[in-house]
Protein backbone atom coordinates (compact mmCIF):
# COMPACT_ATOMS: atom_id res chain seq x y z
CA MET A 1 88.13 73.79 41.65
CA LYS A 2 91.86 74.12 42.03
CA LYS A 3 93.46 76.33 39.39
CA LEU A 4 96.00 74.46 37.27
CA THR A 5 99.53 75.81 36.96
CA PRO A 6 100.89 76.28 33.40
CA LEU A 7 102.88 73.08 33.77
CA ALA A 8 99.80 71.18 34.93
CA LEU A 9 97.86 72.49 31.97
CA VAL A 10 100.37 70.99 29.58
CA CYS A 11 100.39 67.76 31.57
CA ALA A 12 96.65 67.55 31.13
CA LEU A 13 97.09 67.79 27.36
CA ALA A 14 99.95 65.31 27.10
CA LEU A 15 98.72 61.84 26.26
CA SER A 16 101.21 60.07 28.50
CA GLY A 17 100.47 61.98 31.69
CA CYS A 18 102.35 64.24 34.08
CA ASN A 19 105.21 61.82 34.54
CA LEU A 20 106.44 63.15 31.18
CA PHE A 21 107.58 66.28 33.02
CA ALA A 22 109.43 64.57 35.84
CA SER A 23 112.96 64.96 34.49
CA SER A 24 115.05 66.62 31.84
CA THR A 25 115.03 63.36 29.87
CA SER A 26 111.22 63.25 29.64
CA ASN A 27 109.61 62.71 26.24
CA TYR A 28 107.29 65.41 24.88
CA GLN A 29 106.58 63.78 21.53
CA ASP A 30 102.91 63.27 22.43
CA LEU A 31 102.28 66.93 23.18
CA ASP A 32 100.35 68.64 20.39
CA PRO A 33 101.48 72.31 20.34
CA ASN A 34 98.53 73.35 18.17
CA LYS A 35 96.07 71.82 20.61
CA LEU A 36 97.80 73.60 23.46
CA ILE A 37 97.45 76.94 21.69
CA ALA A 38 93.84 76.30 20.70
CA GLU A 39 92.72 75.27 24.19
CA GLN A 40 94.88 77.46 26.43
CA GLY A 41 96.20 80.32 24.29
CA THR A 42 95.05 83.93 24.20
CA LEU A 43 96.46 85.95 21.31
CA LEU A 44 98.36 88.97 22.65
CA TYR A 45 100.22 90.24 19.59
CA SER A 46 100.39 89.47 15.90
CA ASP A 47 102.00 90.88 12.77
CA ASP A 48 101.41 89.69 9.23
CA PHE A 49 103.59 92.50 7.85
CA SER A 50 100.80 93.72 5.59
CA GLN A 51 101.17 97.32 6.78
CA ASP A 52 104.50 98.45 8.25
CA MET A 53 107.25 97.66 10.76
CA GLN A 54 106.05 99.86 13.62
CA GLN A 55 106.18 96.95 16.08
CA TRP A 56 109.88 96.35 15.44
CA VAL A 57 113.27 97.92 16.19
CA ILE A 58 116.04 97.31 13.66
CA GLU A 59 119.73 97.05 14.59
CA LYS A 60 121.95 96.83 11.50
CA THR A 61 124.81 98.27 9.49
CA ASP A 62 124.52 100.14 6.20
CA LYS A 63 125.21 96.83 4.43
CA THR A 64 121.77 95.54 5.37
CA GLN A 65 118.34 96.22 3.94
CA VAL A 66 115.25 95.52 6.07
CA THR A 67 111.97 96.04 4.24
CA ILE A 68 108.54 94.54 3.69
CA ILE A 69 108.33 92.44 0.53
CA ASP A 70 105.23 90.47 -0.45
CA GLN A 71 103.75 91.07 3.01
CA ALA A 72 106.75 89.57 4.80
CA LEU A 73 109.63 91.01 6.81
CA ASP A 74 112.63 90.83 4.48
CA MET A 75 116.15 90.94 6.00
CA ASP A 76 118.82 91.05 3.29
CA ASP A 77 121.95 91.24 5.41
CA GLY A 78 125.56 91.93 4.56
CA ALA A 79 127.18 92.36 7.99
CA GLY A 80 124.79 91.36 10.81
CA VAL A 81 121.25 92.34 11.73
CA THR A 82 118.80 91.90 14.59
CA VAL A 83 115.15 92.93 14.33
CA TRP A 84 113.56 93.16 17.78
CA PHE A 85 109.87 92.98 18.63
CA LYS A 86 109.06 96.08 20.70
CA HIS A 87 107.08 94.35 23.44
CA ALA A 88 108.46 92.18 26.24
CA ILE A 89 107.10 88.63 26.36
CA SER A 90 106.69 86.70 29.62
CA THR A 91 106.02 83.10 30.59
CA PRO A 92 103.81 81.17 30.19
CA SER A 93 103.60 81.98 26.49
CA VAL A 94 103.98 80.79 22.93
CA ILE A 95 105.90 82.67 20.22
CA GLU A 96 105.08 81.44 16.72
CA PHE A 97 106.35 82.55 13.31
CA ASN A 98 107.29 81.36 9.84
CA GLY A 99 110.79 81.91 8.52
CA THR A 100 112.38 81.37 5.14
CA VAL A 101 115.96 81.54 3.89
CA VAL A 102 115.84 83.21 0.50
CA VAL A 103 118.03 81.73 -2.24
CA ASN A 104 117.44 83.57 -5.49
CA GLY A 105 120.86 84.63 -6.72
CA GLY A 106 121.31 87.64 -4.42
CA ALA A 107 124.65 88.61 -2.88
CA ASN A 108 123.58 87.38 0.56
CA ASP A 109 121.45 84.40 -0.50
CA ARG A 110 123.46 81.71 1.31
CA GLY A 111 120.54 79.60 2.59
CA THR A 112 121.79 79.66 6.18
CA ASP A 113 121.39 81.29 9.62
CA PHE A 114 117.69 81.66 10.31
CA ASN A 115 118.39 82.65 13.93
CA PHE A 116 116.50 84.20 16.82
CA PHE A 117 116.81 85.52 20.38
CA TRP A 118 114.13 85.41 23.07
CA MET A 119 113.75 86.36 26.75
CA ALA A 120 116.50 88.92 26.12
CA GLU A 121 117.36 91.54 28.72
CA GLU A 122 120.15 94.12 29.04
CA PRO A 123 121.54 93.64 32.57
CA GLY A 124 121.61 96.84 34.58
CA SER A 125 119.54 98.83 32.10
CA SER A 126 115.89 99.86 32.31
CA ASP A 127 115.79 100.78 28.60
CA PHE A 128 116.42 97.75 26.40
CA PHE A 129 116.80 99.85 23.27
CA ALA A 130 119.14 102.50 24.70
CA LYS A 131 122.14 100.76 23.10
CA SER A 132 120.49 99.87 19.80
CA LYS A 133 122.64 102.22 17.74
CA TRP A 134 125.81 101.06 19.50
CA ARG A 135 124.98 97.38 18.97
CA GLY A 136 124.24 98.00 15.30
CA GLY A 137 123.80 94.32 14.51
CA ASP A 138 127.28 93.33 15.73
CA MET A 139 126.88 89.80 17.14
CA ARG A 140 129.57 90.16 19.79
CA LYS A 141 127.78 93.16 21.30
CA TYR A 142 124.92 90.87 22.31
CA ASP A 143 127.25 88.65 24.38
CA PRO A 144 126.75 90.64 27.64
CA MET A 145 122.99 90.19 27.43
CA GLN A 146 120.89 87.69 29.32
CA LEU A 147 118.96 85.71 26.72
CA TYR A 148 118.23 82.45 24.90
CA TYR A 149 119.45 81.98 21.33
CA ILE A 150 118.95 79.46 18.55
CA GLY A 151 121.10 79.42 15.43
CA TYR A 152 118.80 77.51 13.08
CA GLY A 153 120.63 75.97 10.15
CA ALA A 154 123.79 77.96 10.85
CA ASN A 155 127.36 77.20 9.76
CA GLU A 156 126.36 76.95 6.10
CA ASN A 157 123.14 75.17 7.07
CA SER A 158 124.94 72.31 8.80
CA THR A 159 124.05 72.81 12.48
CA THR A 160 121.21 74.04 14.66
CA ARG A 161 122.30 75.15 18.12
CA TYR A 162 120.71 76.44 21.30
CA ARG A 163 122.66 78.65 23.70
CA ARG A 164 121.86 80.32 27.01
CA TYR A 165 123.60 83.66 27.49
CA PRO A 166 123.85 84.15 31.28
CA GLY A 167 124.73 87.86 31.06
CA ASP A 168 128.46 87.58 31.77
CA GLY A 169 129.72 87.53 28.21
CA THR A 170 129.86 83.74 27.86
CA ARG A 171 127.85 81.67 25.35
CA PRO A 172 128.07 78.06 26.52
CA LEU A 173 126.98 75.27 24.20
CA LEU A 174 126.04 71.84 25.57
CA PRO A 175 126.54 68.83 23.26
CA GLU A 176 122.90 67.77 23.49
CA TYR A 177 121.86 71.09 21.94
CA ASP A 178 124.16 70.76 18.92
CA VAL A 179 121.82 69.29 16.28
CA THR A 180 122.78 68.08 12.80
CA ASP A 181 119.56 66.26 11.88
CA PRO A 182 118.58 67.32 8.31
CA GLN A 183 114.93 67.78 9.33
CA PHE A 184 116.05 70.71 11.48
CA MET A 185 117.89 72.58 8.73
CA ASN A 186 116.66 75.24 6.34
CA VAL A 187 115.09 74.38 2.99
CA PRO A 188 115.75 77.22 0.54
CA ASN A 189 112.67 79.31 -0.27
CA GLN A 190 110.46 77.10 1.88
CA ALA A 191 108.93 78.42 5.12
CA THR A 192 109.75 76.78 8.45
CA ASN A 193 107.18 77.16 11.22
CA ILE A 194 108.72 77.75 14.66
CA LYS A 195 106.89 77.59 17.98
CA ILE A 196 108.62 78.56 21.24
CA ILE A 197 106.56 77.32 24.19
CA SER A 198 107.86 78.96 27.37
CA LEU A 199 106.50 77.57 30.62
CA ASP A 200 107.70 78.39 34.11
CA ASP A 201 110.32 75.65 34.24
CA VAL A 202 110.66 74.20 30.74
CA THR A 203 110.88 75.51 27.18
CA LEU A 204 109.78 73.47 24.18
CA ILE A 205 110.92 74.40 20.68
CA TYR A 206 109.01 73.01 17.71
CA SER A 207 110.03 73.15 14.06
CA ASN A 208 107.15 72.33 11.70
CA ASP A 209 105.47 70.81 14.78
CA ASN A 210 108.39 68.42 15.36
CA LEU A 211 110.01 68.72 18.77
CA LEU A 212 113.48 70.18 18.32
CA TYR A 213 114.40 70.97 21.95
CA GLN A 214 113.05 70.58 25.43
CA ILE A 215 115.05 72.88 27.67
CA ARG A 216 115.14 72.87 31.43
CA ASP A 217 116.84 75.78 33.16
CA ASP A 218 117.63 75.88 36.89
CA ALA A 219 117.40 79.68 36.77
CA PRO A 220 114.99 80.36 33.88
CA PHE A 221 114.55 83.71 32.19
CA ARG A 222 110.85 84.49 32.48
CA SER A 223 110.52 87.78 30.61
CA GLY A 224 112.34 89.59 27.84
CA MET A 225 112.50 90.60 24.21
CA PHE A 226 112.29 88.53 21.03
CA GLY A 227 114.43 89.23 17.97
CA PHE A 228 115.09 87.79 14.52
CA ARG A 229 118.80 87.49 13.88
CA THR A 230 121.12 86.67 10.97
CA TRP A 231 124.58 87.31 9.57
CA LYS A 232 125.39 87.64 5.88
CA SER A 233 122.23 85.88 4.81
CA HIS A 234 118.80 86.68 3.42
CA LEU A 235 115.73 85.88 5.49
CA ARG A 236 112.01 86.45 5.37
CA ALA A 237 109.72 86.20 8.39
CA ASP A 238 105.93 86.22 8.48
CA ASP A 239 102.83 85.35 10.53
CA PHE A 240 104.36 86.39 13.84
CA LYS A 241 102.12 85.66 16.84
CA VAL A 242 102.43 85.75 20.62
CA TYR A 243 99.99 83.85 22.83
CA GLN A 244 99.61 84.02 26.58
CA LEU A 245 98.86 80.58 28.02
CA ASN A 246 95.90 80.82 30.39
């Protein structure tokens, strides 16, 4: 029997057939991400934050506190923070996690900017974390990286945006990735489930199992680091999982 490619595997699960994947305007609404994970996923990594933060590298200033509270990763940030998962993640894969913007009267409880990087690499460096101290959570110091980025409910929880950082310092934003739909904004103190499905030639982003983005990239990034990111906000993340798609 011929072995299916990752793309063919998803086609087999999509109710409308492989023609869904023929162009960048294809419709993925019939794809069930949970079924994909159940039938084709192998759990590689997980963290429920019940123990410690040994799987993570923190880049922050002294105005930020990163701790475990109620078995969740708590990022109470005053000047910019990124919390990186230590292991590189490659396609085809699924990254899943729950994230919450905390609004409980704290100094940074703005209810905005539940953001994340993935497929991040430091061009020209064999040690991704060599510049961690220098970066220190400063957003502009991530501009030279090669990565994908989503600002979920940013700009005071008014926009959700996807950007591709090509590694030359630019951060282009295409109009189709500038989302203002209220269903893709943060709800204070309520967890949002995110799934990043990275195939060889398309990336699907789901929020609470609703398709937020389908992203086609002519020169896709196929391996790199994942990181939670925020600026002057208060986030909690939990139930982090990484699946390899068989």
